[in-house]
Each structure stands twice: as C-alpha cells, then as structure tokens.
N, C-alpha and C. Protein backbone atom coordinates (compact mmCIF):
# COMPACT_ATOMS: atom_id res chain seq x y z
N MET A 1 0.82 -1.21 0.00
CA MET A 1 0.00 0.00 0.00
C MET A 1 0.85 1.26 0.00
N THR A 2 2.11 1.11 0.38
CA THR A 2 2.97 2.29 0.47
C THR A 2 3.25 2.92 -0.89
N HIS A 3 2.87 2.21 -1.98
CA HIS A 3 3.12 2.79 -3.30
C HIS A 3 2.26 4.03 -3.54
N VAL A 4 1.19 4.22 -2.73
CA VAL A 4 0.36 5.41 -2.91
C VAL A 4 1.07 6.66 -2.41
N ILE A 5 2.12 6.46 -1.59
CA ILE A 5 2.88 7.61 -1.10
C ILE A 5 3.95 7.94 -2.13
N SER A 6 3.57 8.70 -3.12
CA SER A 6 4.47 9.03 -4.22
C SER A 6 5.21 10.34 -3.91
N LEU A 7 6.26 10.58 -4.69
CA LEU A 7 7.00 11.83 -4.55
C LEU A 7 6.08 13.01 -4.86
N GLN A 8 5.19 12.83 -5.82
CA GLN A 8 4.26 13.90 -6.18
C GLN A 8 3.35 14.24 -5.00
N PHE A 9 2.89 13.21 -4.29
CA PHE A 9 2.05 13.47 -3.11
C PHE A 9 2.84 14.19 -2.04
N LEU A 10 4.06 13.76 -1.78
CA LEU A 10 4.88 14.38 -0.75
C LEU A 10 5.14 15.85 -1.06
N LEU A 11 5.44 16.14 -2.33
CA LEU A 11 5.70 17.52 -2.72
C LEU A 11 4.43 18.37 -2.62
N THR A 12 3.30 17.78 -3.04
CA THR A 12 2.03 18.51 -2.96
C THR A 12 1.67 18.80 -1.51
N ALA A 13 1.79 17.79 -0.65
CA ALA A 13 1.47 17.96 0.77
C ALA A 13 2.39 18.98 1.42
N LEU A 14 3.68 18.93 1.09
CA LEU A 14 4.63 19.88 1.67
C LEU A 14 4.29 21.31 1.27
N ALA A 15 3.93 21.50 0.00
CA ALA A 15 3.56 22.84 -0.47
C ALA A 15 2.35 23.36 0.28
N VAL A 16 1.38 22.48 0.54
CA VAL A 16 0.17 22.88 1.26
C VAL A 16 0.51 23.24 2.71
N VAL A 17 1.33 22.42 3.35
CA VAL A 17 1.65 22.61 4.77
C VAL A 17 2.48 23.88 5.00
N VAL A 18 3.42 24.14 4.09
CA VAL A 18 4.35 25.27 4.28
C VAL A 18 3.62 26.61 4.14
N ILE A 19 2.59 26.66 3.29
CA ILE A 19 1.86 27.93 3.10
C ILE A 19 1.23 28.34 4.42
N PRO A 20 1.54 29.54 4.93
CA PRO A 20 0.99 29.96 6.23
C PRO A 20 -0.53 30.06 6.23
N GLY A 21 -1.14 29.41 7.21
CA GLY A 21 -2.58 29.51 7.44
C GLY A 21 -2.82 29.88 8.89
N THR A 22 -4.04 29.70 9.35
CA THR A 22 -4.35 30.09 10.72
C THR A 22 -3.57 29.27 11.75
N GLY A 23 -3.34 27.98 11.44
CA GLY A 23 -2.56 27.16 12.36
C GLY A 23 -1.13 27.65 12.50
N VAL A 24 -0.54 28.02 11.38
CA VAL A 24 0.83 28.56 11.41
C VAL A 24 0.86 29.88 12.18
N ILE A 25 -0.09 30.75 11.91
CA ILE A 25 -0.13 32.05 12.61
C ILE A 25 -0.28 31.82 14.11
N TYR A 26 -1.14 30.89 14.49
CA TYR A 26 -1.32 30.59 15.92
C TYR A 26 -0.02 30.09 16.54
N THR A 27 0.65 29.16 15.86
CA THR A 27 1.90 28.60 16.37
C THR A 27 2.98 29.68 16.48
N LEU A 28 3.05 30.56 15.49
CA LEU A 28 4.01 31.66 15.55
C LEU A 28 3.71 32.58 16.73
N ALA A 29 2.44 32.91 16.93
CA ALA A 29 2.06 33.80 18.02
C ALA A 29 2.41 33.18 19.37
N ILE A 30 2.14 31.89 19.52
CA ILE A 30 2.46 31.21 20.78
C ILE A 30 3.97 31.14 20.99
N GLY A 31 4.71 30.84 19.92
CA GLY A 31 6.16 30.78 20.04
C GLY A 31 6.76 32.11 20.43
N LEU A 32 6.27 33.18 19.81
CA LEU A 32 6.77 34.51 20.15
C LEU A 32 6.36 34.92 21.55
N GLY A 33 5.16 34.57 21.95
CA GLY A 33 4.65 35.02 23.23
C GLY A 33 5.09 34.19 24.41
N GLN A 34 5.32 32.87 24.21
CA GLN A 34 5.56 32.01 25.36
C GLN A 34 6.74 31.07 25.24
N GLY A 35 7.44 31.08 24.13
CA GLY A 35 8.66 30.29 24.04
C GLY A 35 8.49 28.94 23.37
N PRO A 36 9.59 28.15 23.32
CA PRO A 36 9.63 26.92 22.53
C PRO A 36 8.69 25.82 23.01
N ARG A 37 8.59 25.59 24.32
CA ARG A 37 7.73 24.51 24.80
C ARG A 37 6.27 24.78 24.44
N ALA A 38 5.85 26.01 24.61
CA ALA A 38 4.47 26.37 24.25
C ALA A 38 4.26 26.22 22.75
N ALA A 39 5.28 26.56 21.96
CA ALA A 39 5.17 26.43 20.50
C ALA A 39 4.98 24.97 20.10
N LEU A 40 5.68 24.06 20.79
CA LEU A 40 5.53 22.63 20.50
C LEU A 40 4.11 22.17 20.81
N ALA A 41 3.54 22.66 21.92
CA ALA A 41 2.16 22.30 22.27
C ALA A 41 1.19 22.83 21.22
N ALA A 42 1.44 24.05 20.73
CA ALA A 42 0.58 24.63 19.70
C ALA A 42 0.64 23.81 18.42
N ALA A 43 1.85 23.43 18.02
CA ALA A 43 2.03 22.63 16.80
C ALA A 43 1.32 21.29 16.92
N LEU A 44 1.43 20.65 18.09
CA LEU A 44 0.78 19.36 18.31
C LEU A 44 -0.74 19.52 18.26
N GLY A 45 -1.26 20.56 18.91
CA GLY A 45 -2.70 20.78 18.93
C GLY A 45 -3.26 21.01 17.54
N CYS A 46 -2.59 21.85 16.75
CA CYS A 46 -3.05 22.11 15.38
C CYS A 46 -3.05 20.83 14.55
N THR A 47 -2.05 19.99 14.77
CA THR A 47 -1.98 18.74 14.02
C THR A 47 -3.11 17.79 14.42
N LEU A 48 -3.38 17.68 15.72
CA LEU A 48 -4.45 16.80 16.19
C LEU A 48 -5.82 17.28 15.70
N GLY A 49 -5.94 18.58 15.45
CA GLY A 49 -7.20 19.11 14.95
C GLY A 49 -7.54 18.63 13.55
N ILE A 50 -6.57 18.01 12.87
CA ILE A 50 -6.80 17.47 11.54
C ILE A 50 -7.56 16.14 11.61
N VAL A 51 -7.42 15.43 12.73
CA VAL A 51 -7.94 14.06 12.84
C VAL A 51 -9.43 13.95 12.50
N PRO A 52 -10.32 14.80 13.06
CA PRO A 52 -11.75 14.66 12.73
C PRO A 52 -12.04 14.81 11.24
N HIS A 53 -11.33 15.71 10.58
CA HIS A 53 -11.56 15.94 9.16
C HIS A 53 -11.03 14.78 8.32
N LEU A 54 -9.90 14.23 8.76
CA LEU A 54 -9.36 13.06 8.06
C LEU A 54 -10.32 11.88 8.21
N ALA A 55 -10.86 11.71 9.41
CA ALA A 55 -11.83 10.64 9.63
C ALA A 55 -13.08 10.86 8.78
N ALA A 56 -13.52 12.12 8.69
CA ALA A 56 -14.69 12.44 7.88
C ALA A 56 -14.45 12.10 6.42
N ALA A 57 -13.25 12.41 5.94
CA ALA A 57 -12.92 12.10 4.54
C ALA A 57 -12.90 10.59 4.32
N ALA A 58 -12.31 9.87 5.27
CA ALA A 58 -12.19 8.42 5.12
C ALA A 58 -13.55 7.75 5.18
N LEU A 59 -14.47 8.29 5.95
CA LEU A 59 -15.79 7.67 6.11
C LEU A 59 -16.84 8.23 5.17
N GLY A 60 -16.44 9.22 4.37
CA GLY A 60 -17.37 9.79 3.41
C GLY A 60 -18.29 10.85 4.00
N LEU A 61 -18.04 11.28 5.26
CA LEU A 61 -18.90 12.27 5.88
C LEU A 61 -18.70 13.66 5.29
N ALA A 62 -17.54 13.88 4.70
CA ALA A 62 -17.29 15.20 4.11
C ALA A 62 -18.28 15.48 2.98
N ALA A 63 -18.64 14.42 2.25
CA ALA A 63 -19.62 14.60 1.17
C ALA A 63 -20.98 15.02 1.74
N ILE A 64 -21.33 14.45 2.92
CA ILE A 64 -22.57 14.83 3.57
C ILE A 64 -22.51 16.29 4.01
N LEU A 65 -21.37 16.69 4.59
CA LEU A 65 -21.20 18.06 5.02
C LEU A 65 -21.33 19.01 3.84
N HIS A 66 -20.75 18.61 2.70
CA HIS A 66 -20.79 19.44 1.51
C HIS A 66 -22.23 19.55 0.99
N ALA A 67 -22.98 18.46 1.11
CA ALA A 67 -24.35 18.45 0.60
C ALA A 67 -25.32 19.18 1.53
N SER A 68 -25.00 19.22 2.81
CA SER A 68 -25.88 19.86 3.78
C SER A 68 -25.46 21.30 4.01
N ALA A 69 -26.21 22.22 3.44
CA ALA A 69 -25.88 23.64 3.58
C ALA A 69 -25.96 24.07 5.04
N LEU A 70 -26.93 23.55 5.78
CA LEU A 70 -27.10 23.94 7.18
C LEU A 70 -25.91 23.50 8.02
N ALA A 71 -25.49 22.22 7.85
CA ALA A 71 -24.35 21.71 8.62
C ALA A 71 -23.10 22.52 8.32
N PHE A 72 -22.91 22.83 7.05
CA PHE A 72 -21.73 23.60 6.68
C PHE A 72 -21.76 25.00 7.29
N GLN A 73 -22.91 25.66 7.23
CA GLN A 73 -23.03 27.02 7.74
C GLN A 73 -22.84 27.06 9.26
N VAL A 74 -23.40 26.09 9.96
CA VAL A 74 -23.25 26.07 11.42
C VAL A 74 -21.78 25.94 11.80
N LEU A 75 -21.08 25.00 11.16
CA LEU A 75 -19.67 24.80 11.48
C LEU A 75 -18.85 26.00 11.05
N LYS A 76 -19.20 26.57 9.90
CA LYS A 76 -18.45 27.71 9.39
C LYS A 76 -18.51 28.90 10.35
N PHE A 77 -19.71 29.23 10.80
CA PHE A 77 -19.83 30.41 11.66
C PHE A 77 -19.32 30.16 13.07
N ALA A 78 -19.29 28.90 13.49
CA ALA A 78 -18.61 28.59 14.74
C ALA A 78 -17.12 28.87 14.59
N GLY A 79 -16.57 28.53 13.43
CA GLY A 79 -15.17 28.84 13.16
C GLY A 79 -14.91 30.32 13.08
N VAL A 80 -15.82 31.07 12.47
CA VAL A 80 -15.69 32.54 12.39
C VAL A 80 -15.65 33.15 13.78
N ALA A 81 -16.57 32.71 14.64
CA ALA A 81 -16.62 33.25 16.00
C ALA A 81 -15.34 32.93 16.76
N TYR A 82 -14.82 31.72 16.56
CA TYR A 82 -13.60 31.34 17.27
C TYR A 82 -12.40 32.16 16.79
N LEU A 83 -12.30 32.39 15.50
CA LEU A 83 -11.19 33.19 14.97
C LEU A 83 -11.27 34.63 15.48
N LEU A 84 -12.47 35.18 15.59
CA LEU A 84 -12.62 36.53 16.13
C LEU A 84 -12.22 36.56 17.61
N TRP A 85 -12.53 35.49 18.33
CA TRP A 85 -12.10 35.41 19.73
C TRP A 85 -10.58 35.39 19.83
N LEU A 86 -9.92 34.65 18.92
CA LEU A 86 -8.46 34.63 18.91
C LEU A 86 -7.90 36.01 18.60
N ALA A 87 -8.54 36.73 17.68
CA ALA A 87 -8.09 38.10 17.37
C ALA A 87 -8.18 38.97 18.62
N TRP A 88 -9.25 38.84 19.37
CA TRP A 88 -9.41 39.60 20.61
C TRP A 88 -8.35 39.22 21.63
N GLN A 89 -8.02 37.93 21.70
CA GLN A 89 -6.98 37.47 22.62
C GLN A 89 -5.61 38.02 22.25
N ALA A 90 -5.39 38.27 20.98
CA ALA A 90 -4.11 38.85 20.55
C ALA A 90 -4.04 40.34 20.88
N LEU A 91 -5.18 41.02 20.84
CA LEU A 91 -5.20 42.46 21.11
C LEU A 91 -5.11 42.79 22.59
N ARG A 92 -5.71 41.97 23.44
CA ARG A 92 -5.71 42.24 24.88
C ARG A 92 -4.30 42.11 25.44
N ALA A 93 -3.93 43.01 26.32
CA ALA A 93 -2.59 42.99 26.92
C ALA A 93 -2.34 41.69 27.68
N ASP A 94 -3.40 41.15 28.30
CA ASP A 94 -3.26 39.91 29.05
C ASP A 94 -3.90 38.73 28.32
N GLY A 95 -4.12 38.88 27.02
CA GLY A 95 -4.77 37.82 26.25
C GLY A 95 -3.87 36.63 26.03
N ALA A 96 -4.48 35.51 25.65
CA ALA A 96 -3.74 34.27 25.48
C ALA A 96 -2.73 34.34 24.34
N LEU A 97 -2.95 35.22 23.35
CA LEU A 97 -2.05 35.31 22.21
C LEU A 97 -1.24 36.60 22.17
N ALA A 98 -1.34 37.42 23.20
CA ALA A 98 -0.59 38.67 23.22
C ALA A 98 0.90 38.39 23.31
N VAL A 99 1.68 39.14 22.55
CA VAL A 99 3.14 39.02 22.59
C VAL A 99 3.66 40.11 23.52
N THR A 100 4.11 39.71 24.71
CA THR A 100 4.53 40.68 25.73
C THR A 100 5.92 40.32 26.25
N PRO A 101 6.63 41.30 26.83
CA PRO A 101 7.95 41.01 27.38
C PRO A 101 7.91 40.06 28.57
N GLU A 102 6.77 40.05 29.30
CA GLU A 102 6.68 39.20 30.46
C GLU A 102 6.64 37.73 30.05
N SER A 103 7.31 36.91 30.82
CA SER A 103 7.32 35.48 30.54
C SER A 103 6.03 34.85 31.05
N ARG A 104 5.18 34.39 30.15
CA ARG A 104 3.91 33.77 30.53
C ARG A 104 3.90 32.32 30.07
N ARG A 105 3.42 31.45 30.91
CA ARG A 105 3.39 30.04 30.57
C ARG A 105 1.98 29.49 30.79
N ALA A 106 1.20 29.48 29.75
CA ALA A 106 -0.12 28.86 29.84
C ALA A 106 0.06 27.35 29.85
N PRO A 107 -0.88 26.62 30.45
CA PRO A 107 -0.79 25.15 30.45
C PRO A 107 -0.71 24.60 29.02
N ALA A 108 0.17 23.62 28.83
CA ALA A 108 0.35 23.05 27.49
C ALA A 108 -0.96 22.49 26.94
N GLY A 109 -1.78 21.90 27.83
CA GLY A 109 -3.05 21.35 27.37
C GLY A 109 -3.98 22.40 26.81
N ALA A 110 -4.02 23.57 27.47
CA ALA A 110 -4.88 24.66 27.00
C ALA A 110 -4.39 25.18 25.65
N ILE A 111 -3.09 25.30 25.49
CA ILE A 111 -2.52 25.76 24.23
C ILE A 111 -2.85 24.78 23.11
N ALA A 112 -2.69 23.49 23.40
CA ALA A 112 -2.98 22.47 22.39
C ALA A 112 -4.46 22.44 22.03
N ARG A 113 -5.33 22.60 23.03
CA ARG A 113 -6.77 22.59 22.74
C ARG A 113 -7.17 23.75 21.84
N ARG A 114 -6.61 24.93 22.11
CA ARG A 114 -6.94 26.08 21.25
C ARG A 114 -6.47 25.84 19.83
N GLY A 115 -5.29 25.25 19.69
CA GLY A 115 -4.77 24.94 18.35
C GLY A 115 -5.63 23.91 17.63
N ALA A 116 -6.07 22.89 18.37
CA ALA A 116 -6.92 21.87 17.76
C ALA A 116 -8.24 22.46 17.29
N LEU A 117 -8.83 23.36 18.09
CA LEU A 117 -10.11 23.95 17.72
C LEU A 117 -10.02 24.77 16.44
N ILE A 118 -8.86 25.37 16.19
CA ILE A 118 -8.68 26.15 14.96
C ILE A 118 -8.98 25.28 13.74
N ASN A 119 -8.46 24.06 13.74
CA ASN A 119 -8.69 23.17 12.60
C ASN A 119 -10.02 22.44 12.68
N ILE A 120 -10.44 22.05 13.88
CA ILE A 120 -11.71 21.33 14.02
C ILE A 120 -12.87 22.19 13.51
N LEU A 121 -12.81 23.49 13.78
CA LEU A 121 -13.90 24.39 13.39
C LEU A 121 -13.74 24.98 12.00
N ASN A 122 -12.89 24.36 11.20
CA ASN A 122 -12.71 24.80 9.81
C ASN A 122 -13.37 23.79 8.87
N PRO A 123 -14.59 24.06 8.41
CA PRO A 123 -15.31 23.07 7.59
C PRO A 123 -14.65 22.81 6.24
N LYS A 124 -13.81 23.72 5.80
CA LYS A 124 -13.15 23.55 4.51
C LYS A 124 -12.14 22.41 4.54
N LEU A 125 -11.68 22.03 5.74
CA LEU A 125 -10.61 21.05 5.82
C LEU A 125 -11.07 19.67 5.37
N SER A 126 -12.31 19.29 5.73
CA SER A 126 -12.84 17.99 5.28
C SER A 126 -12.94 17.97 3.76
N LEU A 127 -13.45 19.07 3.20
CA LEU A 127 -13.58 19.16 1.74
C LEU A 127 -12.21 19.18 1.08
N PHE A 128 -11.23 19.79 1.76
CA PHE A 128 -9.86 19.83 1.25
C PHE A 128 -9.31 18.42 1.10
N PHE A 129 -9.51 17.59 2.12
CA PHE A 129 -9.02 16.21 2.04
C PHE A 129 -9.73 15.43 0.94
N MET A 130 -11.02 15.69 0.77
CA MET A 130 -11.77 15.01 -0.29
C MET A 130 -11.25 15.37 -1.67
N ALA A 131 -10.68 16.58 -1.80
CA ALA A 131 -10.13 17.02 -3.09
C ALA A 131 -8.68 16.60 -3.25
N LEU A 132 -7.90 16.66 -2.15
CA LEU A 132 -6.45 16.40 -2.23
C LEU A 132 -6.12 14.92 -2.39
N LEU A 133 -6.77 14.06 -1.62
CA LEU A 133 -6.32 12.68 -1.52
C LEU A 133 -6.74 11.75 -2.67
N PRO A 134 -7.97 11.85 -3.22
CA PRO A 134 -8.38 10.88 -4.24
C PRO A 134 -7.43 10.70 -5.42
N PRO A 135 -6.80 11.77 -5.95
CA PRO A 135 -5.90 11.55 -7.10
C PRO A 135 -4.72 10.64 -6.80
N PHE A 136 -4.41 10.45 -5.51
CA PHE A 136 -3.24 9.65 -5.15
C PHE A 136 -3.61 8.24 -4.67
N LEU A 137 -4.91 7.89 -4.74
CA LEU A 137 -5.35 6.56 -4.35
C LEU A 137 -5.12 5.56 -5.48
N SER A 138 -5.08 4.29 -5.12
CA SER A 138 -4.80 3.24 -6.12
C SER A 138 -5.99 2.97 -7.03
N GLY A 139 -7.19 3.34 -6.59
CA GLY A 139 -8.38 3.07 -7.38
C GLY A 139 -9.13 1.82 -6.93
N ASP A 140 -8.60 1.11 -5.94
CA ASP A 140 -9.25 -0.08 -5.41
C ASP A 140 -10.20 0.34 -4.29
N PRO A 141 -11.53 0.24 -4.49
CA PRO A 141 -12.50 0.68 -3.47
C PRO A 141 -12.30 -0.02 -2.13
N ALA A 142 -11.85 -1.27 -2.16
CA ALA A 142 -11.69 -2.03 -0.92
C ALA A 142 -10.57 -1.47 -0.05
N ARG A 143 -9.63 -0.76 -0.68
CA ARG A 143 -8.49 -0.23 0.08
C ARG A 143 -8.57 1.28 0.26
N ALA A 144 -9.62 1.90 -0.24
CA ALA A 144 -9.69 3.37 -0.24
C ALA A 144 -9.59 3.96 1.17
N THR A 145 -10.35 3.40 2.12
CA THR A 145 -10.35 3.94 3.48
C THR A 145 -8.96 3.84 4.10
N ALA A 146 -8.32 2.67 3.95
CA ALA A 146 -6.98 2.48 4.52
C ALA A 146 -5.96 3.40 3.85
N GLU A 147 -6.10 3.59 2.55
CA GLU A 147 -5.15 4.46 1.83
C GLU A 147 -5.33 5.92 2.23
N ILE A 148 -6.59 6.36 2.42
CA ILE A 148 -6.85 7.72 2.87
C ILE A 148 -6.24 7.93 4.25
N ALA A 149 -6.39 6.92 5.13
CA ALA A 149 -5.82 7.02 6.48
C ALA A 149 -4.30 7.11 6.41
N LEU A 150 -3.69 6.33 5.53
CA LEU A 150 -2.24 6.35 5.40
C LEU A 150 -1.74 7.70 4.87
N LEU A 151 -2.35 8.19 3.79
CA LEU A 151 -1.95 9.48 3.22
C LEU A 151 -2.21 10.61 4.22
N GLY A 152 -3.34 10.53 4.92
CA GLY A 152 -3.64 11.55 5.92
C GLY A 152 -2.65 11.52 7.06
N GLY A 153 -2.22 10.32 7.46
CA GLY A 153 -1.22 10.21 8.52
C GLY A 153 0.11 10.85 8.12
N VAL A 154 0.50 10.60 6.87
CA VAL A 154 1.73 11.22 6.37
C VAL A 154 1.59 12.74 6.35
N PHE A 155 0.42 13.21 5.92
CA PHE A 155 0.16 14.65 5.89
C PHE A 155 0.25 15.24 7.30
N MET A 156 -0.26 14.53 8.30
CA MET A 156 -0.21 15.02 9.67
C MET A 156 1.22 15.08 10.20
N VAL A 157 2.02 14.06 9.88
CA VAL A 157 3.43 14.06 10.30
C VAL A 157 4.17 15.25 9.69
N MET A 158 3.91 15.51 8.41
CA MET A 158 4.55 16.65 7.76
C MET A 158 4.08 17.96 8.38
N THR A 159 2.77 18.02 8.70
CA THR A 159 2.23 19.22 9.33
C THR A 159 2.92 19.48 10.66
N LEU A 160 3.04 18.44 11.48
CA LEU A 160 3.67 18.60 12.79
C LEU A 160 5.11 19.07 12.64
N GLY A 161 5.86 18.45 11.72
CA GLY A 161 7.26 18.83 11.54
C GLY A 161 7.42 20.28 11.11
N VAL A 162 6.63 20.71 10.14
CA VAL A 162 6.73 22.09 9.64
C VAL A 162 6.28 23.07 10.71
N PHE A 163 5.20 22.76 11.42
CA PHE A 163 4.72 23.67 12.46
C PHE A 163 5.71 23.79 13.60
N VAL A 164 6.37 22.68 13.94
CA VAL A 164 7.40 22.73 14.99
C VAL A 164 8.53 23.67 14.57
N LEU A 165 8.94 23.59 13.31
CA LEU A 165 10.00 24.48 12.82
C LEU A 165 9.56 25.93 12.88
N TYR A 166 8.32 26.21 12.45
CA TYR A 166 7.79 27.57 12.54
C TYR A 166 7.80 28.05 13.99
N GLY A 167 7.31 27.20 14.89
CA GLY A 167 7.22 27.59 16.30
C GLY A 167 8.57 27.83 16.93
N LEU A 168 9.54 26.96 16.66
CA LEU A 168 10.87 27.14 17.23
C LEU A 168 11.56 28.37 16.66
N PHE A 169 11.31 28.64 15.38
CA PHE A 169 11.86 29.87 14.78
C PHE A 169 11.30 31.10 15.49
N ALA A 170 9.99 31.09 15.73
CA ALA A 170 9.36 32.23 16.41
C ALA A 170 9.89 32.38 17.83
N ALA A 171 10.06 31.24 18.53
CA ALA A 171 10.57 31.29 19.89
C ALA A 171 11.99 31.83 19.93
N ALA A 172 12.80 31.46 18.93
CA ALA A 172 14.17 31.95 18.87
C ALA A 172 14.21 33.45 18.60
N ALA A 173 13.23 33.94 17.82
CA ALA A 173 13.19 35.37 17.50
C ALA A 173 12.66 36.19 18.68
N ARG A 174 12.02 35.54 19.65
CA ARG A 174 11.41 36.24 20.78
C ARG A 174 12.43 37.09 21.54
N ALA A 175 13.61 36.51 21.80
CA ALA A 175 14.62 37.21 22.59
C ALA A 175 15.03 38.53 21.91
N ARG A 176 15.08 38.54 20.60
CA ARG A 176 15.50 39.75 19.89
C ARG A 176 14.41 40.81 19.88
N LEU A 177 13.16 40.38 20.02
CA LEU A 177 12.05 41.32 19.96
C LEU A 177 11.69 41.92 21.31
N LEU A 178 12.14 41.27 22.38
CA LEU A 178 11.76 41.73 23.72
C LEU A 178 12.22 43.15 24.02
N SER A 179 13.30 43.57 23.37
CA SER A 179 13.85 44.90 23.66
C SER A 179 13.07 46.01 22.98
N SER A 180 12.07 45.67 22.17
CA SER A 180 11.31 46.69 21.45
C SER A 180 9.82 46.55 21.76
N PRO A 181 9.34 47.29 22.76
CA PRO A 181 7.90 47.23 23.09
C PRO A 181 7.01 47.58 21.91
N ALA A 182 7.47 48.52 21.08
CA ALA A 182 6.67 48.92 19.92
C ALA A 182 6.51 47.74 18.95
N ALA A 183 7.59 47.00 18.73
CA ALA A 183 7.53 45.85 17.83
C ALA A 183 6.58 44.78 18.38
N LEU A 184 6.60 44.59 19.69
CA LEU A 184 5.71 43.61 20.30
C LEU A 184 4.24 44.00 20.12
N ARG A 185 3.97 45.30 20.30
CA ARG A 185 2.59 45.76 20.13
C ARG A 185 2.12 45.55 18.70
N TRP A 186 2.98 45.87 17.74
CA TRP A 186 2.60 45.71 16.34
C TRP A 186 2.45 44.24 15.94
N LEU A 187 3.26 43.38 16.57
CA LEU A 187 3.11 41.95 16.31
C LEU A 187 1.74 41.46 16.79
N SER A 188 1.37 41.86 18.00
CA SER A 188 0.07 41.46 18.53
C SER A 188 -1.05 41.97 17.64
N ARG A 189 -0.94 43.23 17.21
CA ARG A 189 -1.96 43.79 16.33
C ARG A 189 -1.98 43.06 14.98
N GLY A 190 -0.81 42.70 14.50
CA GLY A 190 -0.73 41.98 13.23
C GLY A 190 -1.40 40.62 13.31
N PHE A 191 -1.13 39.88 14.40
CA PHE A 191 -1.78 38.59 14.57
C PHE A 191 -3.30 38.75 14.65
N ALA A 192 -3.75 39.76 15.40
CA ALA A 192 -5.19 40.03 15.53
C ALA A 192 -5.80 40.33 14.16
N ALA A 193 -5.10 41.14 13.36
CA ALA A 193 -5.60 41.50 12.04
C ALA A 193 -5.71 40.28 11.13
N VAL A 194 -4.71 39.38 11.21
CA VAL A 194 -4.74 38.18 10.38
C VAL A 194 -5.93 37.29 10.75
N PHE A 195 -6.12 37.05 12.05
CA PHE A 195 -7.24 36.22 12.47
C PHE A 195 -8.58 36.84 12.07
N ALA A 196 -8.70 38.16 12.23
CA ALA A 196 -9.94 38.84 11.86
C ALA A 196 -10.17 38.76 10.35
N ALA A 197 -9.10 38.92 9.57
CA ALA A 197 -9.23 38.87 8.11
C ALA A 197 -9.64 37.47 7.65
N VAL A 198 -9.05 36.45 8.25
CA VAL A 198 -9.41 35.08 7.89
C VAL A 198 -10.86 34.80 8.27
N ALA A 199 -11.27 35.31 9.43
CA ALA A 199 -12.66 35.14 9.86
C ALA A 199 -13.62 35.79 8.86
N ALA A 200 -13.27 36.98 8.41
CA ALA A 200 -14.12 37.69 7.44
C ALA A 200 -14.19 36.92 6.12
N ARG A 201 -13.06 36.40 5.68
CA ARG A 201 -13.05 35.63 4.43
C ARG A 201 -13.88 34.36 4.56
N LEU A 202 -13.73 33.68 5.70
CA LEU A 202 -14.49 32.46 5.92
C LEU A 202 -15.99 32.75 5.95
N ALA A 203 -16.36 33.89 6.53
CA ALA A 203 -17.77 34.23 6.67
C ALA A 203 -18.46 34.41 5.33
N VAL A 204 -17.74 34.89 4.32
CA VAL A 204 -18.36 35.16 3.02
C VAL A 204 -18.16 34.03 2.01
N GLU A 205 -17.36 33.03 2.38
CA GLU A 205 -17.12 31.91 1.46
C GLU A 205 -18.32 30.98 1.42
N ARG A 206 -18.50 30.35 0.29
CA ARG A 206 -19.54 29.34 0.13
C ARG A 206 -18.91 27.97 0.13
N ALA A 207 -19.73 26.97 0.36
CA ALA A 207 -19.23 25.59 0.38
C ALA A 207 -18.69 25.19 -0.99
C-alpha cells in the first residue's frame, strides 16, 4: 500500500503545509509570546485538529457536510466566531495570544486545545481532504479507506514537523524582539488583524 505515497504526493502535501494559514499564525504567536515549549504544544494541537476531518474524509462524511448547507453554515460560523475570539486574545494585553515582554506560561493542554479547535472548526478542511487525496489513491475501493488514512497520517506528520519548525523559529526570535515594546505591540496587532481577516473571508465563502 505504500506505493500510494508518491513523490508527487509528498511535494504537494509539503507545499500545502508550508503555506501559512491560521494554524501557522497561531503557532508563531504562541512561540513569540511564550517560548519553545508552548510552541511545540501549539504545533501538536493544530496537528491533532486534523484528525476529525481526516476521519470524515475516510468515512465519506465530508460529502454529507458538503451536501448539507445547514451543517456547513453552522460549522463555518462557529469557526468565524472562534477566529474573532483569537483576534481579541491577541489584542488584549493579558490575552492568550498577546506578545509581551513578560514570561507567561499557559498550560500546554490549553494551548494544544486552542490549536486543535482552529482546525476542528474549519469546515473547509474535510472538503480539502476530499479534493487532495483521491488523485493519489490506487483506485481499489476495498483499500480506499486504509489508503486515505495512510496518506492523511503522512500529511499530519509533515504538518507537525513544519509547524514545529515555525514555532521554534518564532521562539528563537522572541529574545530579539523583547527589547522593542513597539515591535511587540505591532506583532500582537498583526496577529489580531490576520485572524480577523481570515474570519471575514471564511464568513463570506460558500461551500
């Protein structure tokens, strides 16, 4: 079954993972705000948030979500509300995503849960897997579920690796930014703006 893991799939998955999205922005914000250990928790949480969508793709539930306008809209606007909450957390001086000179250590579990919710509440992710994975399957219906699980697992491993690198890079840059309060404020505002912009885009997108 490993023949489905082609170089083309690996390159395609890597290109998708490297492109910054909300998970990357969250991991960068946590790395800058709380250091390397927190960044690792954020990367792990974002990766685990892929699991429900991968399961949906493997079981064919993504097609149901795509066909049900109500289900899609409910999940979509839950995601919009959550992204706006993250934007608010970045703007608040004591918010969970604020980048401040003070050393803050939120519990790793809380950081991971917030990261997981970013992906869980993104209805596009199930549809993304339904579009990305089929071209790389062998075409045998009896093995389709197992092959989707295998390709999705590889995608998750790549996601974790890339997000860890992003997070550690941000944590390493933290020390250089601490001496500039103005830079920290603009970083927090920038993260807030990104989350708000993604929320606005998600709100107007159709299934």
